[in-house]
PDB file of N, CA and C in Angstrom:
ATOM      1  N   MET A   1     137.427 124.077 145.211  1.00  0.00           N
ATOM      2  CA  MET A   1     136.272 123.382 145.453  1.00  0.00           C
ATOM      3  C   MET A   1     135.797 124.320 145.909  1.00  0.00           C
ATOM      4  N   ALA A   2     134.343 124.842 145.539  1.00  0.00           N
ATOM      5  CA  ALA A   2     133.602 125.965 145.690  1.00  0.00           C
ATOM      6  C   ALA A   2     133.108 125.808 147.217  1.00  0.00           C
ATOM      7  N   MET A   3     132.814 126.595 147.973  1.00  0.00           N
ATOM      8  CA  MET A   3     132.109 126.696 149.356  1.00  0.00           C
ATOM      9  C   MET A   3     130.540 126.412 148.867  1.00  0.00           C
ATOM     10  N   LEU A   4     130.030 125.965 149.981  1.00  0.00           N
ATOM     11  CA  LEU A   4     128.245 125.517 149.743  1.00  0.00           C
ATOM     12  C   LEU A   4     127.713 126.614 149.470  1.00  0.00           C
ATOM     13  N   LYS A   5     127.940 127.996 150.436  1.00  0.00           N
ATOM     14  CA  LYS A   5     127.265 129.332 150.262  1.00  0.00           C
ATOM     15  C   LYS A   5     127.413 130.036 149.195  1.00  0.00           C
ATOM     16  N   ASP A   6     128.654 129.472 148.305  1.00  0.00           N
ATOM     17  CA  ASP A   6     128.821 130.125 146.834  1.00  0.00           C
ATOM     18  C   ASP A   6     128.074 129.298 146.061  1.00  0.00           C
ATOM     19  N   ASP A   7     127.785 128.085 146.278  1.00  0.00           N
ATOM     20  CA  ASP A   7     127.166 127.134 145.137  1.00  0.00           C
ATOM     21  C   ASP A   7     125.546 127.273 145.411  1.00  0.00           C
ATOM     22  N   LEU A   8     124.627 127.799 146.554  1.00  0.00           N
ATOM     23  CA  LEU A   8     123.468 127.632 146.765  1.00  0.00           C
ATOM     24  C   LEU A   8     122.674 128.921 146.395  1.00  0.00           C
ATOM     25  N   LEU A   9     121.513 128.127 146.019  1.00  0.00           N
ATOM     26  CA  LEU A   9     120.297 129.301 145.136  1.00  0.00           C
ATOM     27  C   LEU A   9     119.357 129.039 146.165  1.00  0.00           C
ATOM     28  N   THR A  10     118.413 130.105 146.577  1.00  0.00           N
ATOM     29  CA  THR A  10     117.358 129.929 147.577  1.00  0.00           C
ATOM     30  C   THR A  10     116.216 130.360 146.686  1.00  0.00           C
ATOM     31  N   GLY A  11     115.149 129.625 146.287  1.00  0.00           N
ATOM     32  CA  GLY A  11     113.863 129.628 145.882  1.00  0.00           C
ATOM     33  C   GLY A  11     114.015 129.552 144.273  1.00  0.00           C
ATOM     34  N   ALA A  12     112.844 129.538 143.922  1.00  0.00           N
ATOM     35  CA  ALA A  12     112.748 129.165 142.454  1.00  0.00           C
ATOM     36  C   ALA A  12     113.243 130.528 141.488  1.00  0.00           C
ATOM     37  N   LYS A  13     112.562 131.526 141.936  1.00  0.00           N
ATOM     38  CA  LYS A  13     113.274 132.980 141.213  1.00  0.00           C
ATOM     39  C   LYS A  13     114.732 132.921 141.244  1.00  0.00           C
ATOM     40  N   ALA A  14     115.376 132.438 141.933  1.00  0.00           N
ATOM     41  CA  ALA A  14     116.610 132.529 142.151  1.00  0.00           C
ATOM     42  C   ALA A  14     117.165 131.473 141.055  1.00  0.00           C
ATOM     43  N   ALA A  15     116.890 130.345 140.889  1.00  0.00           N
ATOM     44  CA  ALA A  15     116.975 129.389 140.256  1.00  0.00           C
ATOM     45  C   ALA A  15     116.674 129.546 138.777  1.00  0.00           C
ATOM     46  N   GLY A  16     115.678 130.183 138.255  1.00  0.00           N
ATOM     47  CA  GLY A  16     115.289 130.771 137.451  1.00  0.00           C
ATOM     48  C   GLY A  16     116.169 131.723 136.555  1.00  0.00           C
ATOM     49  N   ASP A  17     116.500 132.755 137.670  1.00  0.00           N
ATOM     50  CA  ASP A  17     117.526 133.963 137.084  1.00  0.00           C
ATOM     51  C   ASP A  17     118.889 133.135 136.793  1.00  0.00           C
ATOM     52  N   TYR A  18     119.086 132.516 137.525  1.00  0.00           N
ATOM     53  CA  TYR A  18     120.658 131.640 137.119  1.00  0.00           C
ATOM     54  C   TYR A  18     120.620 130.802 135.840  1.00  0.00           C
ATOM     55  N   ILE A  19     119.462 130.033 135.411  1.00  0.00           N
ATOM     56  CA  ILE A  19     119.624 129.422 134.195  1.00  0.00           C
ATOM     57  C   ILE A  19     118.514 129.963 133.125  1.00  0.00           C
ATOM     58  N   GLY A  20     118.233 131.097 133.414  1.00  0.00           N
ATOM     59  CA  GLY A  20     117.447 131.848 132.289  1.00  0.00           C
ATOM     60  C   GLY A  20     115.946 131.181 131.976  1.00  0.00           C
ATOM     61  N   ARG A  21     115.406 130.713 132.932  1.00  0.00           N
ATOM     62  CA  ARG A  21     113.998 130.491 133.097  1.00  0.00           C
ATOM     63  C   ARG A  21     113.090 131.156 133.917  1.00  0.00           C
ATOM     64  N   SER A  22     112.003 131.111 133.611  1.00  0.00           N
ATOM     65  CA  SER A  22     110.717 131.708 134.492  1.00  0.00           C
ATOM     66  C   SER A  22     110.665 130.973 135.945  1.00  0.00           C
ATOM     67  N   ARG A  23     110.274 131.591 136.813  1.00  0.00           N
ATOM     68  CA  ARG A  23     109.760 130.997 138.252  1.00  0.00           C
ATOM     69  C   ARG A  23     109.018 129.775 138.105  1.00  0.00           C
ATOM     70  N   THR A  24     108.020 130.132 137.230  1.00  0.00           N
ATOM     71  CA  THR A  24     106.957 128.945 137.251  1.00  0.00           C
ATOM     72  C   THR A  24     107.435 127.723 136.154  1.00  0.00           C
ATOM     73  N   ALA A  25     108.581 127.856 135.338  1.00  0.00           N
ATOM     74  CA  ALA A  25     109.074 126.906 134.411  1.00  0.00           C
ATOM     75  C   ALA A  25     109.979 125.950 135.776  1.00  0.00           C
ATOM     76  N   ILE A  26     110.452 126.864 136.705  1.00  0.00           N
ATOM     77  CA  ILE A  26     111.255 126.236 137.422  1.00  0.00           C
ATOM     78  C   ILE A  26     110.463 125.291 138.377  1.00  0.00           C
ATOM     79  N   TYR A  27     109.207 125.676 138.874  1.00  0.00           N
ATOM     80  CA  TYR A  27     108.303 124.908 139.727  1.00  0.00           C
ATOM     81  C   TYR A  27     108.156 123.691 138.682  1.00  0.00           C
ATOM     82  N   HIS A  28     107.549 123.902 137.447  1.00  0.00           N
ATOM     83  CA  HIS A  28     107.089 122.564 136.646  1.00  0.00           C
ATOM     84  C   HIS A  28     108.018 121.609 136.690  1.00  0.00           C
ATOM     85  N   MET A  29     109.423 122.289 136.527  1.00  0.00           N
ATOM     86  CA  MET A  29     110.695 121.492 136.090  1.00  0.00           C
ATOM     87  C   MET A  29     111.170 120.251 137.487  1.00  0.00           C
ATOM     88  N   VAL A  30     110.453 121.291 138.399  1.00  0.00           N
ATOM     89  CA  VAL A  30     110.760 120.382 139.939  1.00  0.00           C
ATOM     90  C   VAL A  30     109.513 119.060 139.823  1.00  0.00           C
ATOM     91  N   GLU A  31     108.348 119.903 139.648  1.00  0.00           N
ATOM     92  CA  GLU A  31     107.551 118.626 139.851  1.00  0.00           C
ATOM     93  C   GLU A  31     107.531 117.743 139.000  1.00  0.00           C
ATOM     94  N   ARG A  32     108.455 117.589 137.801  1.00  0.00           N
ATOM     95  CA  ARG A  32     108.209 116.486 136.962  1.00  0.00           C
ATOM     96  C   ARG A  32     109.904 115.760 137.154  1.00  0.00           C
ATOM     97  N   GLY A  33     110.481 116.494 138.213  1.00  0.00           N
ATOM     98  CA  GLY A  33     111.546 115.573 138.745  1.00  0.00           C
ATOM     99  C   GLY A  33     112.902 115.963 137.674  1.00  0.00           C
ATOM    100  N   GLU A  34     112.706 116.972 136.915  1.00  0.00           N
ATOM    101  CA  GLU A  34     113.827 117.356 136.049  1.00  0.00           C
ATOM    102  C   GLU A  34     114.870 118.092 136.563  1.00  0.00           C
ATOM    103  N   LEU A  35     115.030 118.786 137.856  1.00  0.00           N
ATOM    104  CA  LEU A  35     115.644 119.481 138.501  1.00  0.00           C
ATOM    105  C   LEU A  35     116.134 119.156 139.925  1.00  0.00           C
ATOM    106  N   PRO A  36     117.268 118.906 140.296  1.00  0.00           N
ATOM    107  CA  PRO A  36     117.750 118.466 141.672  1.00  0.00           C
ATOM    108  C   PRO A  36     117.393 119.636 142.582  1.00  0.00           C
ATOM    109  N   VAL A  37     116.529 119.261 143.970  1.00  0.00           N
ATOM    110  CA  VAL A  37     116.369 120.329 144.619  1.00  0.00           C
ATOM    111  C   VAL A  37     116.253 119.625 145.844  1.00  0.00           C
ATOM    112  N   VAL A  38     116.542 120.700 146.954  1.00  0.00           N
ATOM    113  CA  VAL A  38     116.208 120.378 148.513  1.00  0.00           C
ATOM    114  C   VAL A  38     115.220 121.064 148.899  1.00  0.00           C
ATOM    115  N   ARG A  39     114.257 120.203 149.603  1.00  0.00           N
ATOM    116  CA  ARG A  39     113.198 121.283 150.139  1.00  0.00           C
ATOM    117  C   ARG A  39     113.042 121.042 151.613  1.00  0.00           C
ATOM    118  N   LYS A  40     113.028 122.498 152.161  1.00  0.00           N
ATOM    119  CA  LYS A  40     113.198 122.472 153.876  1.00  0.00           C
ATOM    120  C   LYS A  40     111.892 123.287 154.005  1.00  0.00           C
ATOM    121  N   GLY A  41     111.188 122.658 154.641  1.00  0.00           N
ATOM    122  CA  GLY A  41     109.476 123.580 154.640  1.00  0.00           C
ATOM    123  C   GLY A  41     109.258 124.108 153.583  1.00  0.00           C
ATOM    124  N   ASN A  42     108.911 125.167 153.436  1.00  0.00           N
ATOM    125  CA  ASN A  42     108.428 125.952 152.187  1.00  0.00           C
ATOM    126  C   ASN A  42     109.417 126.143 151.174  1.00  0.00           C
ATOM    127  N   ARG A  43     110.730 126.061 151.425  1.00  0.00           N
ATOM    128  CA  ARG A  43     111.498 126.685 150.477  1.00  0.00           C
ATOM    129  C   ARG A  43     112.249 125.628 149.765  1.00  0.00           C
ATOM    130  N   LEU A  44     112.712 126.153 148.805  1.00  0.00           N
ATOM    131  CA  LEU A  44     113.128 125.071 147.716  1.00  0.00           C
ATOM    132  C   LEU A  44     114.857 125.530 147.579  1.00  0.00           C
ATOM    133  N   TYR A  45     115.770 124.676 147.662  1.00  0.00           N
ATOM    134  CA  TYR A  45     117.118 125.021 147.616  1.00  0.00           C
ATOM    135  C   TYR A  45     117.762 124.409 146.444  1.00  0.00           C
ATOM    136  N   PHE A  46     118.617 125.367 145.579  1.00  0.00           N
ATOM    137  CA  PHE A  46     118.971 124.532 144.546  1.00  0.00           C
ATOM    138  C   PHE A  46     120.981 124.510 144.596  1.00  0.00           C
ATOM    139  N   ARG A  47     121.703 123.950 143.928  1.00  0.00           N
ATOM    140  CA  ARG A  47     123.038 124.157 143.963  1.00  0.00           C
ATOM    141  C   ARG A  47     123.487 124.511 142.412  1.00  0.00           C
ATOM    142  N   LYS A  48     124.176 125.289 142.217  1.00  0.00           N
ATOM    143  CA  LYS A  48     124.389 125.759 140.813  1.00  0.00           C
ATOM    144  C   LYS A  48     124.923 124.764 140.071  1.00  0.00           C
ATOM    145  N   SER A  49     125.962 124.157 140.777  1.00  0.00           N
ATOM    146  CA  SER A  49     126.425 123.083 139.963  1.00  0.00           C
ATOM    147  C   SER A  49     125.630 121.973 139.536  1.00  0.00           C
ATOM    148  N   GLU A  50     124.655 121.554 140.330  1.00  0.00           N
ATOM    149  CA  GLU A  50     123.659 120.509 139.813  1.00  0.00           C
ATOM    150  C   GLU A  50     122.899 120.850 139.026  1.00  0.00           C
ATOM    151  N   LEU A  51     122.516 122.291 138.922  1.00  0.00           N
ATOM    152  CA  LEU A  51     121.710 122.915 137.832  1.00  0.00           C
ATOM    153  C   LEU A  51     122.508 122.903 136.578  1.00  0.00           C
ATOM    154  N   GLU A  52     123.565 123.174 136.580  1.00  0.00           N
ATOM    155  CA  GLU A  52     124.604 123.042 135.590  1.00  0.00           C
ATOM    156  C   GLU A  52     124.810 121.705 134.586  1.00  0.00           C
ATOM    157  N   ALA A  53     124.814 121.016 135.767  1.00  0.00           N
ATOM    158  CA  ALA A  53     125.064 119.549 135.402  1.00  0.00           C
ATOM    159  C   ALA A  53     123.774 118.965 134.933  1.00  0.00           C
ATOM    160  N   ALA A  54     122.739 119.243 135.164  1.00  0.00           N
ATOM    161  CA  ALA A  54     121.564 118.934 134.659  1.00  0.00           C
ATOM    162  C   ALA A  54     121.238 119.282 133.007  1.00  0.00           C
ATOM    163  N   PHE A  55     121.536 120.617 133.135  1.00  0.00           N
ATOM    164  CA  PHE A  55     121.309 121.333 131.646  1.00  0.00           C
ATOM    165  C   PHE A  55     122.624 120.520 130.860  1.00  0.00           C
ATOM    166  N   ARG A  56     123.510 120.574 131.126  1.00  0.00           N
ATOM    167  CA  ARG A  56     124.647 119.982 130.184  1.00  0.00           C
ATOM    168  C   ARG A  56     124.459 118.563 129.771  1.00  0.00           C
ATOM    169  N   SER A  57     123.618 117.616 130.537  1.00  0.00           N
ATOM    170  CA  SER A  57     122.988 116.213 130.165  1.00  0.00           C
ATOM    171  C   SER A  57     121.810 116.605 129.509  1.00  0.00           C
ATOM    172  N   GLU A  58     121.120 117.705 129.472  1.00  0.00           N
ATOM    173  CA  GLU A  58     119.946 118.075 128.698  1.00  0.00           C
ATOM    174  C   GLU A  58     120.397 117.848 127.356  1.00  0.00           C
ATOM    175  N   ALA A  59     121.455 119.008 126.923  1.00  0.00           N
ATOM    176  CA  ALA A  59     121.679 119.365 125.894  1.00  0.00           C
ATOM    177  C   ALA A  59     122.636 118.288 125.076  1.00  0.00           C
ATOM    178  N   ALA A  60     123.103 117.307 125.770  1.00  0.00           N
ATOM    179  CA  ALA A  60     123.844 115.907 125.146  1.00  0.00           C
ATOM    180  C   ALA A  60     122.780 115.448 124.463  1.00  0.00           C
TER     181      ALA A  60
END
């Protein structure tokens, strides 16, 4: 099982880089509820495993 620190991405840019989308696209997807995100203050946190699962279900 992966450690949380190895599974965590901080910010829309990091999530976008990971899944091949722009930072703006990530913000839009978060606003539409299409991506799982945790908000802490002004920061967005994403789990790689949850992003991968979201795109696996999108492709199905």
